Amino acid sequence: MAYGAALALAAIFAWAGAAKLRSADVTERTFRAFGLAAPRTLARTIPLVELGLAAGLVVVPGWAAAVALAVLAAFTTVLVRAMRAGVDVGCGCFGTSRREPVSFVELVRNGLLAVLAVAALFADAPTPIGIDDVIVVTTGAAVGAVVLALADLKRATGSAWRVELPR
């Protein structure tokens, strides 16, 4: 299961890095709004770090998972600072600028990714993936998607459980 978690995390970091590279201008604007130093340099460097991390999670999963935890902690710190400062821009975490400003939803997402990274810490080398790995990681991803959908629903409506149906 640990290597399956590493591969899932690798896919997410590869997606995020590639998306940021494709929309480097949006990424730079987001980093500038977050008040980060050298936003242009970061907008070109962070995606490469994410792509390198994705490769590391495939080749040396345990070590790369430890780095992924550190990177996720840094990203989360930036998001919390932006929230506290009242920055009114989307996260830009996957190369796009969402209309909704950074909120607890992105923190929940990073927490779920950190759980994946902790699971990947126990992968000491690339190993064949079995059906049990696929089931565990897919089930975890489905549960994570539901948690994120509920968090996003709460952000949008003020409640994750009660939704008024149209009459």
N, C-alpha and C. Protein backbone atom coordinates (compact mmCIF):
# COMPACT_ATOMS: atom_id res chain seq x y z
N MET A 1 0.81 -1.19 0.00
CA MET A 1 0.00 0.00 0.00
C MET A 1 0.86 1.27 0.00
N ALA A 2 2.00 1.22 0.64
CA ALA A 2 2.85 2.41 0.75
C ALA A 2 3.32 2.90 -0.61
N TYR A 3 3.72 1.96 -1.47
CA TYR A 3 4.18 2.39 -2.79
C TYR A 3 3.01 2.89 -3.64
N GLY A 4 1.85 2.30 -3.46
CA GLY A 4 0.65 2.80 -4.15
C GLY A 4 0.35 4.24 -3.74
N ALA A 5 0.51 4.54 -2.45
CA ALA A 5 0.31 5.91 -1.96
C ALA A 5 1.34 6.85 -2.58
N ALA A 6 2.59 6.36 -2.69
CA ALA A 6 3.65 7.18 -3.30
C ALA A 6 3.32 7.48 -4.76
N LEU A 7 2.81 6.49 -5.48
CA LEU A 7 2.47 6.70 -6.89
C LEU A 7 1.30 7.67 -7.03
N ALA A 8 0.31 7.55 -6.16
CA ALA A 8 -0.82 8.48 -6.21
C ALA A 8 -0.35 9.90 -5.94
N LEU A 9 0.51 10.06 -4.94
CA LEU A 9 1.04 11.38 -4.61
C LEU A 9 1.91 11.91 -5.75
N ALA A 10 2.67 11.02 -6.38
CA ALA A 10 3.48 11.42 -7.54
C ALA A 10 2.60 11.97 -8.65
N ALA A 11 1.49 11.31 -8.91
CA ALA A 11 0.58 11.78 -9.96
C ALA A 11 0.04 13.16 -9.63
N ILE A 12 -0.28 13.40 -8.37
CA ILE A 12 -0.83 14.70 -7.96
C ILE A 12 0.22 15.79 -8.10
N PHE A 13 1.45 15.52 -7.65
CA PHE A 13 2.52 16.52 -7.79
C PHE A 13 2.86 16.75 -9.26
N ALA A 14 2.83 15.71 -10.09
CA ALA A 14 3.10 15.88 -11.52
C ALA A 14 2.02 16.76 -12.15
N TRP A 15 0.77 16.51 -11.80
CA TRP A 15 -0.35 17.30 -12.32
C TRP A 15 -0.20 18.76 -11.90
N ALA A 16 0.08 18.99 -10.63
CA ALA A 16 0.22 20.36 -10.13
C ALA A 16 1.39 21.08 -10.80
N GLY A 17 2.53 20.40 -10.91
CA GLY A 17 3.70 21.01 -11.52
C GLY A 17 3.49 21.34 -12.99
N ALA A 18 2.91 20.39 -13.73
CA ALA A 18 2.66 20.62 -15.16
C ALA A 18 1.65 21.76 -15.36
N ALA A 19 0.62 21.78 -14.52
CA ALA A 19 -0.40 22.83 -14.65
C ALA A 19 0.20 24.20 -14.36
N LYS A 20 1.06 24.29 -13.36
CA LYS A 20 1.69 25.57 -13.03
C LYS A 20 2.62 26.02 -14.16
N LEU A 21 3.33 25.08 -14.77
CA LEU A 21 4.21 25.44 -15.89
C LEU A 21 3.39 25.97 -17.07
N ARG A 22 2.24 25.34 -17.32
CA ARG A 22 1.38 25.77 -18.43
C ARG A 22 0.82 27.17 -18.19
N SER A 23 0.56 27.52 -16.95
CA SER A 23 0.01 28.84 -16.66
C SER A 23 0.93 29.60 -15.71
N ALA A 24 2.16 29.76 -16.16
CA ALA A 24 3.17 30.42 -15.32
C ALA A 24 2.78 31.85 -14.96
N ASP A 25 2.09 32.55 -15.86
CA ASP A 25 1.68 33.93 -15.55
C ASP A 25 0.66 33.97 -14.42
N VAL A 26 -0.30 33.05 -14.44
CA VAL A 26 -1.30 32.97 -13.37
C VAL A 26 -0.61 32.61 -12.06
N THR A 27 0.31 31.66 -12.13
CA THR A 27 1.05 31.25 -10.94
C THR A 27 1.84 32.43 -10.37
N GLU A 28 2.48 33.17 -11.24
CA GLU A 28 3.24 34.34 -10.79
C GLU A 28 2.33 35.38 -10.13
N ARG A 29 1.19 35.66 -10.73
CA ARG A 29 0.24 36.62 -10.13
C ARG A 29 -0.24 36.15 -8.76
N THR A 30 -0.51 34.86 -8.65
CA THR A 30 -0.96 34.31 -7.37
C THR A 30 0.13 34.45 -6.33
N PHE A 31 1.36 34.09 -6.68
CA PHE A 31 2.47 34.20 -5.74
C PHE A 31 2.69 35.66 -5.33
N ARG A 32 2.53 36.56 -6.28
CA ARG A 32 2.67 38.00 -5.98
C ARG A 32 1.59 38.43 -4.98
N ALA A 33 0.35 37.99 -5.22
CA ALA A 33 -0.77 38.34 -4.32
C ALA A 33 -0.54 37.76 -2.93
N PHE A 34 0.10 36.61 -2.86
CA PHE A 34 0.41 36.00 -1.56
C PHE A 34 1.54 36.73 -0.83
N GLY A 35 2.18 37.67 -1.52
CA GLY A 35 3.26 38.43 -0.89
C GLY A 35 4.57 37.67 -0.83
N LEU A 36 4.75 36.68 -1.71
CA LEU A 36 5.99 35.91 -1.70
C LEU A 36 7.10 36.69 -2.40
N ALA A 37 8.30 36.54 -1.89
CA ALA A 37 9.46 37.18 -2.51
C ALA A 37 9.77 36.49 -3.84
N ALA A 38 10.20 37.25 -4.81
CA ALA A 38 10.60 36.74 -6.13
C ALA A 38 9.52 35.85 -6.76
N PRO A 39 8.31 36.37 -6.94
CA PRO A 39 7.23 35.54 -7.47
C PRO A 39 7.50 34.97 -8.86
N ARG A 40 8.20 35.74 -9.70
CA ARG A 40 8.50 35.23 -11.06
C ARG A 40 9.43 34.02 -10.97
N THR A 41 10.46 34.12 -10.16
CA THR A 41 11.40 33.00 -10.00
C THR A 41 10.69 31.79 -9.39
N LEU A 42 9.89 32.04 -8.37
CA LEU A 42 9.15 30.94 -7.74
C LEU A 42 8.17 30.28 -8.70
N ALA A 43 7.54 31.08 -9.56
CA ALA A 43 6.57 30.54 -10.52
C ALA A 43 7.24 29.62 -11.53
N ARG A 44 8.53 29.78 -11.72
CA ARG A 44 9.26 28.90 -12.64
C ARG A 44 9.94 27.76 -11.89
N THR A 45 10.27 27.97 -10.61
CA THR A 45 11.01 26.98 -9.83
C THR A 45 10.10 25.96 -9.16
N ILE A 46 9.02 26.42 -8.54
CA ILE A 46 8.13 25.52 -7.79
C ILE A 46 7.59 24.39 -8.67
N PRO A 47 7.13 24.67 -9.89
CA PRO A 47 6.65 23.55 -10.73
C PRO A 47 7.74 22.52 -11.02
N LEU A 48 8.98 22.97 -11.20
CA LEU A 48 10.07 22.03 -11.44
C LEU A 48 10.35 21.19 -10.20
N VAL A 49 10.24 21.82 -9.03
CA VAL A 49 10.40 21.08 -7.77
C VAL A 49 9.31 20.02 -7.66
N GLU A 50 8.07 20.40 -7.99
CA GLU A 50 6.96 19.45 -7.92
C GLU A 50 7.16 18.29 -8.90
N LEU A 51 7.63 18.58 -10.09
CA LEU A 51 7.88 17.52 -11.07
C LEU A 51 9.03 16.62 -10.62
N GLY A 52 10.06 17.21 -10.05
CA GLY A 52 11.16 16.42 -9.49
C GLY A 52 10.71 15.56 -8.34
N LEU A 53 9.84 16.11 -7.51
CA LEU A 53 9.29 15.37 -6.39
C LEU A 53 8.44 14.19 -6.89
N ALA A 54 7.68 14.41 -7.95
CA ALA A 54 6.89 13.33 -8.54
C ALA A 54 7.81 12.19 -9.00
N ALA A 55 8.89 12.54 -9.66
CA ALA A 55 9.85 11.51 -10.10
C ALA A 55 10.47 10.81 -8.90
N GLY A 56 10.82 11.58 -7.88
CA GLY A 56 11.40 10.99 -6.67
C GLY A 56 10.46 10.02 -6.00
N LEU A 57 9.17 10.33 -5.97
CA LEU A 57 8.20 9.44 -5.35
C LEU A 57 8.09 8.10 -6.08
N VAL A 58 8.41 8.11 -7.36
CA VAL A 58 8.40 6.86 -8.13
C VAL A 58 9.68 6.07 -7.89
N VAL A 59 10.82 6.75 -7.82
CA VAL A 59 12.12 6.08 -7.77
C VAL A 59 12.60 5.79 -6.34
N VAL A 60 12.51 6.78 -5.47
CA VAL A 60 12.93 6.63 -4.06
C VAL A 60 11.79 7.12 -3.16
N PRO A 61 10.73 6.34 -3.10
CA PRO A 61 9.48 6.82 -2.51
C PRO A 61 9.58 7.26 -1.05
N GLY A 62 10.27 6.55 -0.22
CA GLY A 62 10.34 6.90 1.20
C GLY A 62 10.98 8.26 1.42
N TRP A 63 12.13 8.47 0.81
CA TRP A 63 12.82 9.75 0.95
C TRP A 63 12.01 10.89 0.35
N ALA A 64 11.46 10.65 -0.82
CA ALA A 64 10.68 11.69 -1.49
C ALA A 64 9.40 12.01 -0.70
N ALA A 65 8.84 11.02 -0.03
CA ALA A 65 7.65 11.27 0.78
C ALA A 65 7.98 12.21 1.94
N ALA A 66 9.17 12.05 2.51
CA ALA A 66 9.59 12.97 3.59
C ALA A 66 9.72 14.39 3.05
N VAL A 67 10.28 14.53 1.86
CA VAL A 67 10.39 15.85 1.24
C VAL A 67 9.00 16.39 0.91
N ALA A 68 8.12 15.51 0.43
CA ALA A 68 6.75 15.92 0.11
C ALA A 68 6.05 16.48 1.35
N LEU A 69 6.26 15.85 2.51
CA LEU A 69 5.67 16.38 3.75
C LEU A 69 6.18 17.78 4.05
N ALA A 70 7.47 17.99 3.85
CA ALA A 70 8.05 19.32 4.10
C ALA A 70 7.48 20.35 3.11
N VAL A 71 7.37 19.96 1.85
CA VAL A 71 6.82 20.86 0.82
C VAL A 71 5.36 21.19 1.12
N LEU A 72 4.59 20.17 1.51
CA LEU A 72 3.18 20.40 1.86
C LEU A 72 3.06 21.32 3.08
N ALA A 73 3.96 21.16 4.04
CA ALA A 73 3.95 22.05 5.21
C ALA A 73 4.25 23.48 4.79
N ALA A 74 5.19 23.66 3.88
CA ALA A 74 5.52 25.01 3.40
C ALA A 74 4.35 25.60 2.63
N PHE A 75 3.74 24.82 1.74
CA PHE A 75 2.58 25.30 0.99
C PHE A 75 1.45 25.68 1.93
N THR A 76 1.21 24.85 2.93
CA THR A 76 0.13 25.12 3.88
C THR A 76 0.41 26.39 4.67
N THR A 77 1.65 26.60 5.04
CA THR A 77 2.03 27.82 5.76
C THR A 77 1.72 29.05 4.90
N VAL A 78 2.05 28.99 3.62
CA VAL A 78 1.76 30.11 2.71
C VAL A 78 0.26 30.34 2.63
N LEU A 79 -0.52 29.27 2.53
CA LEU A 79 -1.97 29.41 2.44
C LEU A 79 -2.56 30.02 3.72
N VAL A 80 -2.07 29.57 4.88
CA VAL A 80 -2.56 30.11 6.15
C VAL A 80 -2.22 31.60 6.26
N ARG A 81 -1.00 31.96 5.87
CA ARG A 81 -0.60 33.38 5.89
C ARG A 81 -1.51 34.20 4.97
N ALA A 82 -1.82 33.66 3.80
CA ALA A 82 -2.69 34.37 2.85
C ALA A 82 -4.08 34.54 3.43
N MET A 83 -4.59 33.50 4.08
CA MET A 83 -5.92 33.59 4.70
C MET A 83 -5.93 34.65 5.79
N ARG A 84 -4.91 34.62 6.63
CA ARG A 84 -4.84 35.60 7.74
C ARG A 84 -4.71 37.02 7.22
N ALA A 85 -4.02 37.19 6.10
CA ALA A 85 -3.83 38.52 5.53
C ALA A 85 -5.05 38.97 4.74
N GLY A 86 -6.02 38.09 4.56
CA GLY A 86 -7.22 38.44 3.81
C GLY A 86 -7.00 38.52 2.31
N VAL A 87 -6.00 37.80 1.82
CA VAL A 87 -5.72 37.79 0.38
C VAL A 87 -6.93 37.21 -0.33
N ASP A 88 -7.40 37.93 -1.33
CA ASP A 88 -8.65 37.57 -2.00
C ASP A 88 -8.39 36.96 -3.38
N VAL A 89 -7.52 35.95 -3.43
CA VAL A 89 -7.28 35.24 -4.68
C VAL A 89 -7.38 33.75 -4.41
N GLY A 90 -7.57 33.01 -5.49
CA GLY A 90 -7.60 31.57 -5.38
C GLY A 90 -6.20 31.03 -5.15
N CYS A 91 -6.14 29.77 -4.84
CA CYS A 91 -4.88 29.13 -4.46
C CYS A 91 -3.87 29.06 -5.61
N GLY A 92 -4.33 28.76 -6.80
CA GLY A 92 -3.40 28.58 -7.91
C GLY A 92 -2.59 27.30 -7.77
N CYS A 93 -3.03 26.42 -6.89
CA CYS A 93 -2.26 25.21 -6.57
C CYS A 93 -2.14 24.25 -7.75
N PHE A 94 -3.11 24.29 -8.63
CA PHE A 94 -3.05 23.42 -9.80
C PHE A 94 -3.04 24.24 -11.08
N GLY A 95 -2.40 25.42 -10.99
CA GLY A 95 -2.15 26.25 -12.15
C GLY A 95 -3.30 27.12 -12.60
N THR A 96 -4.39 27.11 -11.87
CA THR A 96 -5.53 27.94 -12.26
C THR A 96 -5.86 28.89 -11.14
N SER A 97 -6.53 29.93 -11.50
CA SER A 97 -6.97 30.90 -10.51
C SER A 97 -8.46 30.70 -10.29
N ARG A 98 -8.80 30.14 -9.14
CA ARG A 98 -10.21 29.95 -8.80
C ARG A 98 -10.80 31.26 -8.34
N ARG A 99 -12.10 31.38 -8.48
CA ARG A 99 -12.78 32.59 -8.03
C ARG A 99 -12.79 32.68 -6.51
N GLU A 100 -12.97 31.53 -5.86
CA GLU A 100 -13.04 31.53 -4.41
C GLU A 100 -11.65 31.80 -3.83
N PRO A 101 -11.57 32.71 -2.86
CA PRO A 101 -10.27 32.93 -2.22
C PRO A 101 -9.85 31.70 -1.41
N VAL A 102 -8.60 31.64 -1.10
CA VAL A 102 -8.06 30.54 -0.30
C VAL A 102 -8.89 30.42 0.97
N SER A 103 -9.21 29.17 1.34
CA SER A 103 -10.00 28.93 2.54
C SER A 103 -9.58 27.62 3.18
N PHE A 104 -10.35 27.20 4.15
CA PHE A 104 -10.08 25.95 4.84
C PHE A 104 -10.11 24.75 3.89
N VAL A 105 -10.77 24.87 2.75
CA VAL A 105 -10.85 23.76 1.80
C VAL A 105 -9.46 23.36 1.33
N GLU A 106 -8.63 24.34 1.01
CA GLU A 106 -7.26 24.03 0.58
C GLU A 106 -6.44 23.44 1.71
N LEU A 107 -6.73 23.85 2.93
CA LEU A 107 -6.03 23.28 4.09
C LEU A 107 -6.44 21.82 4.29
N VAL A 108 -7.72 21.53 4.11
CA VAL A 108 -8.20 20.15 4.21
C VAL A 108 -7.52 19.31 3.12
N ARG A 109 -7.47 19.84 1.89
CA ARG A 109 -6.83 19.11 0.79
C ARG A 109 -5.37 18.81 1.11
N ASN A 110 -4.64 19.81 1.62
CA ASN A 110 -3.24 19.58 1.97
C ASN A 110 -3.11 18.56 3.10
N GLY A 111 -4.05 18.58 4.03
CA GLY A 111 -4.04 17.58 5.10
C GLY A 111 -4.22 16.18 4.55
N LEU A 112 -5.12 16.01 3.60
CA LEU A 112 -5.33 14.71 2.96
C LEU A 112 -4.08 14.27 2.20
N LEU A 113 -3.45 15.21 1.52
CA LEU A 113 -2.21 14.88 0.81
C LEU A 113 -1.10 14.50 1.78
N ALA A 114 -1.08 15.15 2.94
CA ALA A 114 -0.07 14.81 3.97
C ALA A 114 -0.30 13.39 4.48
N VAL A 115 -1.55 12.97 4.62
CA VAL A 115 -1.84 11.60 5.03
C VAL A 115 -1.29 10.63 3.99
N LEU A 116 -1.47 10.96 2.73
CA LEU A 116 -0.93 10.13 1.64
C LEU A 116 0.60 10.08 1.74
N ALA A 117 1.22 11.22 2.02
CA ALA A 117 2.69 11.27 2.13
C ALA A 117 3.16 10.43 3.32
N VAL A 118 2.44 10.47 4.42
CA VAL A 118 2.83 9.66 5.59
C VAL A 118 2.76 8.18 5.22
N ALA A 119 1.71 7.78 4.51
CA ALA A 119 1.61 6.38 4.08
C ALA A 119 2.78 6.03 3.16
N ALA A 120 3.16 6.96 2.29
CA ALA A 120 4.25 6.71 1.34
C ALA A 120 5.62 6.64 2.03
N LEU A 121 5.73 7.19 3.23
CA LEU A 121 7.00 7.12 3.96
C LEU A 121 7.47 5.67 4.16
N PHE A 122 6.54 4.74 4.20
CA PHE A 122 6.87 3.35 4.48
C PHE A 122 7.25 2.56 3.23
N ALA A 123 7.28 3.21 2.08
CA ALA A 123 7.71 2.55 0.85
C ALA A 123 9.21 2.74 0.72
N ASP A 124 9.96 1.67 0.88
CA ASP A 124 11.42 1.82 0.82
C ASP A 124 11.99 1.66 -0.58
N ALA A 125 11.20 1.12 -1.50
CA ALA A 125 11.67 0.94 -2.88
C ALA A 125 10.46 0.72 -3.78
N PRO A 126 10.63 0.96 -5.07
CA PRO A 126 9.54 0.63 -6.00
C PRO A 126 9.21 -0.86 -5.91
N THR A 127 7.94 -1.16 -5.86
CA THR A 127 7.49 -2.55 -5.77
C THR A 127 6.30 -2.74 -6.69
N PRO A 128 6.06 -3.97 -7.11
CA PRO A 128 4.87 -4.22 -7.92
C PRO A 128 3.60 -3.87 -7.13
N ILE A 129 2.65 -3.32 -7.83
CA ILE A 129 1.39 -2.92 -7.21
C ILE A 129 0.40 -4.07 -7.34
N GLY A 130 -0.19 -4.46 -6.21
CA GLY A 130 -1.20 -5.51 -6.22
C GLY A 130 -2.60 -4.92 -6.21
N ILE A 131 -3.58 -5.78 -6.42
CA ILE A 131 -4.97 -5.32 -6.44
C ILE A 131 -5.36 -4.74 -5.09
N ASP A 132 -4.81 -5.27 -4.00
CA ASP A 132 -5.12 -4.72 -2.67
C ASP A 132 -4.63 -3.28 -2.55
N ASP A 133 -3.46 -2.98 -3.14
CA ASP A 133 -2.95 -1.61 -3.15
C ASP A 133 -3.90 -0.69 -3.92
N VAL A 134 -4.35 -1.15 -5.06
CA VAL A 134 -5.25 -0.36 -5.89
C VAL A 134 -6.56 -0.09 -5.14
N ILE A 135 -7.08 -1.11 -4.48
CA ILE A 135 -8.34 -0.95 -3.74
C ILE A 135 -8.17 0.04 -2.60
N VAL A 136 -7.11 -0.08 -1.83
CA VAL A 136 -6.90 0.81 -0.68
C VAL A 136 -6.71 2.26 -1.14
N VAL A 137 -5.85 2.48 -2.13
CA VAL A 137 -5.57 3.84 -2.60
C VAL A 137 -6.81 4.43 -3.27
N THR A 138 -7.51 3.65 -4.07
CA THR A 138 -8.71 4.14 -4.74
C THR A 138 -9.81 4.47 -3.72
N THR A 139 -9.98 3.63 -2.73
CA THR A 139 -10.96 3.90 -1.69
C THR A 139 -10.59 5.15 -0.91
N GLY A 140 -9.30 5.29 -0.58
CA GLY A 140 -8.83 6.50 0.10
C GLY A 140 -9.06 7.74 -0.74
N ALA A 141 -8.83 7.63 -2.04
CA ALA A 141 -9.05 8.78 -2.93
C ALA A 141 -10.53 9.13 -2.99
N ALA A 142 -11.40 8.12 -3.02
CA ALA A 142 -12.83 8.37 -3.06
C ALA A 142 -13.30 9.05 -1.77
N VAL A 143 -12.82 8.56 -0.63
CA VAL A 143 -13.17 9.18 0.66
C VAL A 143 -12.65 10.62 0.69
N GLY A 144 -11.41 10.82 0.24
CA GLY A 144 -10.84 12.17 0.19
C GLY A 144 -11.65 13.09 -0.71
N ALA A 145 -12.11 12.58 -1.84
CA ALA A 145 -12.92 13.40 -2.76
C ALA A 145 -14.24 13.80 -2.11
N VAL A 146 -14.84 12.88 -1.36
CA VAL A 146 -16.09 13.20 -0.66
C VAL A 146 -15.84 14.26 0.41
N VAL A 147 -14.77 14.10 1.17
CA VAL A 147 -14.43 15.08 2.21
C VAL A 147 -14.21 16.45 1.58
N LEU A 148 -13.47 16.51 0.48
CA LEU A 148 -13.24 17.80 -0.19
C LEU A 148 -14.53 18.38 -0.76
N ALA A 149 -15.39 17.53 -1.31
CA ALA A 149 -16.67 18.02 -1.85
C ALA A 149 -17.53 18.60 -0.72
N LEU A 150 -17.54 17.94 0.43
CA LEU A 150 -18.31 18.46 1.57
C LEU A 150 -17.72 19.78 2.07
N ALA A 151 -16.39 19.86 2.11
CA ALA A 151 -15.74 21.11 2.54
C ALA A 151 -16.06 22.24 1.55
N ASP A 152 -16.05 21.93 0.26
CA ASP A 152 -16.36 22.94 -0.75
C ASP A 152 -17.84 23.34 -0.68
N LEU A 153 -18.70 22.38 -0.41
CA LEU A 153 -20.12 22.69 -0.23
C LEU A 153 -20.32 23.60 0.97
N LYS A 154 -19.59 23.34 2.05
CA LYS A 154 -19.69 24.19 3.23
C LYS A 154 -19.21 25.60 2.90
N ARG A 155 -18.13 25.70 2.12
CA ARG A 155 -17.63 27.02 1.73
C ARG A 155 -18.68 27.76 0.90
N ALA A 156 -19.32 27.05 0.00
CA ALA A 156 -20.27 27.68 -0.92
C ALA A 156 -21.62 28.01 -0.27
N THR A 157 -22.09 27.13 0.63
CA THR A 157 -23.45 27.30 1.15
C THR A 157 -23.50 27.60 2.65
N GLY A 158 -22.39 27.39 3.34
CA GLY A 158 -22.39 27.59 4.78
C GLY A 158 -22.72 26.33 5.56
N SER A 159 -23.06 25.26 4.85
CA SER A 159 -23.39 24.00 5.52
C SER A 159 -22.99 22.84 4.62
N ALA A 160 -22.39 21.84 5.22
CA ALA A 160 -22.00 20.66 4.45
C ALA A 160 -23.09 19.61 4.45
N TRP A 161 -24.06 19.73 5.32
CA TRP A 161 -25.03 18.66 5.47
C TRP A 161 -26.44 19.06 5.05
N ARG A 162 -26.78 20.31 5.14
CA ARG A 162 -28.14 20.74 4.84
C ARG A 162 -28.13 21.56 3.55
N VAL A 163 -28.80 21.07 2.56
CA VAL A 163 -28.89 21.79 1.30
C VAL A 163 -30.37 21.99 0.98
N GLU A 164 -30.74 23.21 0.70
CA GLU A 164 -32.12 23.53 0.34
C GLU A 164 -32.35 23.13 -1.12
N LEU A 165 -33.34 22.31 -1.33
CA LEU A 165 -33.67 21.89 -2.68
C LEU A 165 -34.64 22.91 -3.29
N PRO A 166 -34.52 23.17 -4.59
CA PRO A 166 -35.45 24.11 -5.22
C PRO A 166 -36.87 23.54 -5.19
N ARG A 167 -37.83 24.43 -5.06
CA ARG A 167 -39.24 23.98 -5.03
C ARG A 167 -39.89 24.15 -6.36
